[in-house]
Amino acid sequence: MIRKLVSFIGDPANSKKVKKIGISMLIVTFISDFLVHREHVHYIWDRIPGWGAFYGFVSCVVIILASKFYGHQCRIMRDEDYYND
């Protein structure tokens, strides 16, 4: 079962299908957040529908950009054949 799933996702011919499935899952998750009853929240922004999805997406983008910045500017990143010499 897992082998079929991995080969389906890894096949370049199925890239459009995989992208559509992923986007539809994100949309369903975002819309389902509007159905949650928020009676007891700790922070005011927890009342905003879709806040968790938005916060998670922005956090992931910030982590990726910070990692790329540190890798390039602080010379942490190495070439592919760095250890082959």
N, C-alpha and C. Protein backbone atom coordinates (compact mmCIF):
# COMPACT_ATOMS: atom_id res chain seq x y z
N MET A 1 0.82 -1.18 0.00
CA MET A 1 0.00 0.00 0.00
C MET A 1 0.87 1.25 0.00
N ILE A 2 1.85 1.31 0.91
CA ILE A 2 2.73 2.47 1.00
C ILE A 2 3.57 2.58 -0.26
N ARG A 3 4.02 1.45 -0.78
CA ARG A 3 4.85 1.46 -1.98
C ARG A 3 4.08 2.05 -3.16
N LYS A 4 2.80 1.70 -3.29
CA LYS A 4 1.97 2.26 -4.37
C LYS A 4 1.79 3.76 -4.19
N LEU A 5 1.57 4.18 -2.96
CA LEU A 5 1.39 5.61 -2.68
C LEU A 5 2.65 6.41 -2.98
N VAL A 6 3.80 5.89 -2.57
CA VAL A 6 5.07 6.58 -2.83
C VAL A 6 5.36 6.63 -4.32
N SER A 7 5.09 5.55 -5.05
CA SER A 7 5.33 5.59 -6.49
C SER A 7 4.35 6.51 -7.19
N PHE A 8 3.12 6.63 -6.69
CA PHE A 8 2.15 7.55 -7.27
C PHE A 8 2.60 9.00 -7.07
N ILE A 9 3.04 9.32 -5.85
CA ILE A 9 3.47 10.68 -5.56
C ILE A 9 4.77 11.02 -6.28
N GLY A 10 5.68 10.07 -6.37
CA GLY A 10 6.98 10.31 -6.99
C GLY A 10 6.97 10.32 -8.51
N ASP A 11 5.91 9.84 -9.13
CA ASP A 11 5.85 9.78 -10.59
C ASP A 11 5.59 11.18 -11.16
N PRO A 12 6.47 11.68 -12.03
CA PRO A 12 6.27 13.01 -12.60
C PRO A 12 4.99 13.14 -13.42
N ALA A 13 4.47 12.02 -13.92
CA ALA A 13 3.23 12.08 -14.70
C ALA A 13 2.03 12.43 -13.82
N ASN A 14 2.13 12.17 -12.52
CA ASN A 14 1.03 12.44 -11.60
C ASN A 14 1.19 13.75 -10.83
N SER A 15 2.13 14.59 -11.23
CA SER A 15 2.41 15.80 -10.45
C SER A 15 1.21 16.74 -10.37
N LYS A 16 0.45 16.87 -11.46
CA LYS A 16 -0.72 17.75 -11.44
C LYS A 16 -1.80 17.20 -10.51
N LYS A 17 -2.00 15.88 -10.53
CA LYS A 17 -2.98 15.26 -9.65
C LYS A 17 -2.59 15.44 -8.19
N VAL A 18 -1.31 15.23 -7.88
CA VAL A 18 -0.82 15.35 -6.51
C VAL A 18 -0.97 16.80 -6.04
N LYS A 19 -0.69 17.75 -6.91
CA LYS A 19 -0.83 19.16 -6.56
C LYS A 19 -2.29 19.52 -6.29
N LYS A 20 -3.20 19.02 -7.13
CA LYS A 20 -4.64 19.28 -6.92
C LYS A 20 -5.13 18.65 -5.62
N ILE A 21 -4.68 17.45 -5.32
CA ILE A 21 -5.07 16.78 -4.08
C ILE A 21 -4.56 17.56 -2.87
N GLY A 22 -3.32 18.00 -2.92
CA GLY A 22 -2.75 18.76 -1.81
C GLY A 22 -3.46 20.08 -1.58
N ILE A 23 -3.75 20.81 -2.66
CA ILE A 23 -4.45 22.09 -2.54
C ILE A 23 -5.86 21.88 -2.03
N SER A 24 -6.54 20.85 -2.50
CA SER A 24 -7.90 20.60 -2.02
C SER A 24 -7.90 20.20 -0.54
N MET A 25 -6.88 19.47 -0.08
CA MET A 25 -6.79 19.14 1.33
C MET A 25 -6.56 20.39 2.18
N LEU A 26 -5.74 21.30 1.70
CA LEU A 26 -5.52 22.56 2.41
C LEU A 26 -6.80 23.38 2.49
N ILE A 27 -7.56 23.43 1.40
CA ILE A 27 -8.81 24.19 1.38
C ILE A 27 -9.82 23.58 2.34
N VAL A 28 -9.94 22.26 2.34
CA VAL A 28 -10.88 21.59 3.25
C VAL A 28 -10.49 21.84 4.70
N THR A 29 -9.19 21.78 5.00
CA THR A 29 -8.73 22.04 6.36
C THR A 29 -9.03 23.47 6.78
N PHE A 30 -8.80 24.41 5.89
CA PHE A 30 -9.06 25.82 6.19
C PHE A 30 -10.55 26.07 6.41
N ILE A 31 -11.39 25.51 5.55
CA ILE A 31 -12.84 25.71 5.67
C ILE A 31 -13.37 25.03 6.93
N SER A 32 -12.84 23.87 7.28
CA SER A 32 -13.32 23.18 8.48
C SER A 32 -13.02 23.97 9.75
N ASP A 33 -12.04 24.84 9.70
CA ASP A 33 -11.73 25.66 10.86
C ASP A 33 -12.85 26.66 11.16
N PHE A 34 -13.67 26.99 10.18
CA PHE A 34 -14.80 27.89 10.39
C PHE A 34 -15.94 27.18 11.14
N LEU A 35 -15.92 25.87 11.20
CA LEU A 35 -16.98 25.10 11.85
C LEU A 35 -16.69 24.82 13.33
N VAL A 36 -15.51 25.20 13.79
CA VAL A 36 -15.12 24.94 15.17
C VAL A 36 -15.72 26.00 16.09
N HIS A 37 -16.31 25.55 17.20
CA HIS A 37 -16.88 26.48 18.17
C HIS A 37 -15.78 26.93 19.13
N ARG A 38 -15.54 28.23 19.20
CA ARG A 38 -14.47 28.78 20.03
C ARG A 38 -15.08 29.54 21.20
N GLU A 39 -15.32 28.84 22.27
CA GLU A 39 -15.92 29.48 23.44
C GLU A 39 -14.85 29.89 24.45
N HIS A 40 -13.93 29.00 24.75
CA HIS A 40 -12.89 29.29 25.75
C HIS A 40 -11.54 29.37 25.05
N VAL A 41 -11.13 30.58 24.73
CA VAL A 41 -9.82 30.77 24.09
C VAL A 41 -8.92 31.55 25.04
N HIS A 42 -7.63 31.31 24.92
CA HIS A 42 -6.67 32.00 25.78
C HIS A 42 -6.29 33.37 25.22
N TYR A 43 -6.15 33.46 23.91
CA TYR A 43 -5.72 34.70 23.27
C TYR A 43 -6.79 35.14 22.27
N ILE A 44 -6.84 36.44 22.03
CA ILE A 44 -7.88 37.00 21.17
C ILE A 44 -7.76 36.49 19.73
N TRP A 45 -6.53 36.28 19.25
CA TRP A 45 -6.36 35.83 17.87
C TRP A 45 -6.79 34.38 17.67
N ASP A 46 -6.98 33.63 18.74
CA ASP A 46 -7.48 32.26 18.61
C ASP A 46 -8.94 32.22 18.17
N ARG A 47 -9.64 33.33 18.27
CA ARG A 47 -11.03 33.40 17.81
C ARG A 47 -11.14 33.56 16.29
N ILE A 48 -10.06 33.97 15.64
CA ILE A 48 -10.09 34.21 14.19
C ILE A 48 -10.09 32.88 13.45
N PRO A 49 -11.11 32.62 12.63
CA PRO A 49 -11.12 31.38 11.85
C PRO A 49 -9.97 31.37 10.84
N GLY A 50 -9.29 30.26 10.77
CA GLY A 50 -8.18 30.12 9.83
C GLY A 50 -6.86 30.63 10.38
N TRP A 51 -6.84 31.08 11.63
CA TRP A 51 -5.62 31.64 12.20
C TRP A 51 -4.51 30.58 12.29
N GLY A 52 -4.85 29.39 12.71
CA GLY A 52 -3.83 28.35 12.84
C GLY A 52 -3.18 28.00 11.50
N ALA A 53 -3.98 27.91 10.45
CA ALA A 53 -3.44 27.61 9.12
C ALA A 53 -2.56 28.75 8.63
N PHE A 54 -3.02 29.98 8.84
CA PHE A 54 -2.25 31.14 8.40
C PHE A 54 -0.93 31.24 9.17
N TYR A 55 -1.00 31.08 10.48
CA TYR A 55 0.18 31.16 11.33
C TYR A 55 1.18 30.06 10.98
N GLY A 56 0.69 28.86 10.76
CA GLY A 56 1.57 27.75 10.39
C GLY A 56 2.25 27.97 9.06
N PHE A 57 1.50 28.48 8.08
CA PHE A 57 2.08 28.74 6.76
C PHE A 57 3.15 29.82 6.83
N VAL A 58 2.83 30.92 7.50
CA VAL A 58 3.80 32.02 7.62
C VAL A 58 5.04 31.55 8.40
N SER A 59 4.85 30.76 9.44
CA SER A 59 5.99 30.25 10.21
C SER A 59 6.90 29.38 9.35
N CYS A 60 6.32 28.52 8.54
CA CYS A 60 7.13 27.66 7.66
C CYS A 60 7.92 28.48 6.65
N VAL A 61 7.28 29.50 6.08
CA VAL A 61 7.98 30.36 5.11
C VAL A 61 9.13 31.09 5.79
N VAL A 62 8.91 31.60 7.00
CA VAL A 62 9.97 32.31 7.72
C VAL A 62 11.13 31.37 8.05
N ILE A 63 10.83 30.15 8.46
CA ILE A 63 11.89 29.18 8.77
C ILE A 63 12.72 28.86 7.52
N ILE A 64 12.05 28.67 6.39
CA ILE A 64 12.77 28.37 5.14
C ILE A 64 13.64 29.54 4.72
N LEU A 65 13.09 30.76 4.76
CA LEU A 65 13.87 31.93 4.35
C LEU A 65 15.05 32.18 5.30
N ALA A 66 14.84 32.01 6.59
CA ALA A 66 15.94 32.19 7.55
C ALA A 66 17.02 31.14 7.33
N SER A 67 16.63 29.90 7.06
CA SER A 67 17.61 28.84 6.82
C SER A 67 18.42 29.11 5.56
N LYS A 68 17.76 29.56 4.52
CA LYS A 68 18.48 29.90 3.29
C LYS A 68 19.42 31.07 3.52
N PHE A 69 18.97 32.07 4.27
CA PHE A 69 19.83 33.23 4.55
C PHE A 69 21.08 32.80 5.32
N TYR A 70 20.89 32.03 6.39
CA TYR A 70 22.04 31.57 7.16
C TYR A 70 22.96 30.68 6.34
N GLY A 71 22.38 29.85 5.51
CA GLY A 71 23.19 28.95 4.70
C GLY A 71 24.06 29.69 3.71
N HIS A 72 23.53 30.73 3.10
CA HIS A 72 24.29 31.45 2.08
C HIS A 72 25.16 32.55 2.69
N GLN A 73 24.64 33.33 3.61
CA GLN A 73 25.38 34.48 4.14
C GLN A 73 26.44 34.07 5.17
N CYS A 74 26.16 33.06 5.95
CA CYS A 74 27.12 32.63 6.98
C CYS A 74 28.03 31.52 6.48
N ARG A 75 27.94 31.20 5.23
CA ARG A 75 28.77 30.18 4.56
C ARG A 75 28.68 28.81 5.23
N ILE A 76 27.49 28.48 5.69
CA ILE A 76 27.27 27.15 6.27
C ILE A 76 27.05 26.14 5.14
N MET A 77 26.42 26.58 4.07
CA MET A 77 26.09 25.70 2.96
C MET A 77 27.36 25.40 2.14
N ARG A 78 27.51 24.18 1.75
CA ARG A 78 28.69 23.74 0.99
C ARG A 78 28.24 23.21 -0.38
N ASP A 79 29.18 23.14 -1.29
CA ASP A 79 28.89 22.56 -2.61
C ASP A 79 28.62 21.08 -2.47
N GLU A 80 28.02 20.51 -3.52
CA GLU A 80 27.67 19.10 -3.49
C GLU A 80 28.89 18.19 -3.34
N ASP A 81 29.97 18.54 -3.98
CA ASP A 81 31.17 17.68 -3.97
C ASP A 81 32.23 18.20 -2.98
N TYR A 82 31.81 18.85 -1.94
CA TYR A 82 32.74 19.45 -0.97
C TYR A 82 33.61 18.39 -0.29
N TYR A 83 33.03 17.25 0.07
CA TYR A 83 33.76 16.22 0.80
C TYR A 83 34.43 15.20 -0.13
N ASN A 84 34.31 15.35 -1.43
CA ASN A 84 34.88 14.37 -2.36
C ASN A 84 36.35 14.60 -2.63
N ASP A 85 36.93 15.69 -2.21
CA ASP A 85 38.34 15.97 -2.48
C ASP A 85 39.29 15.18 -1.64
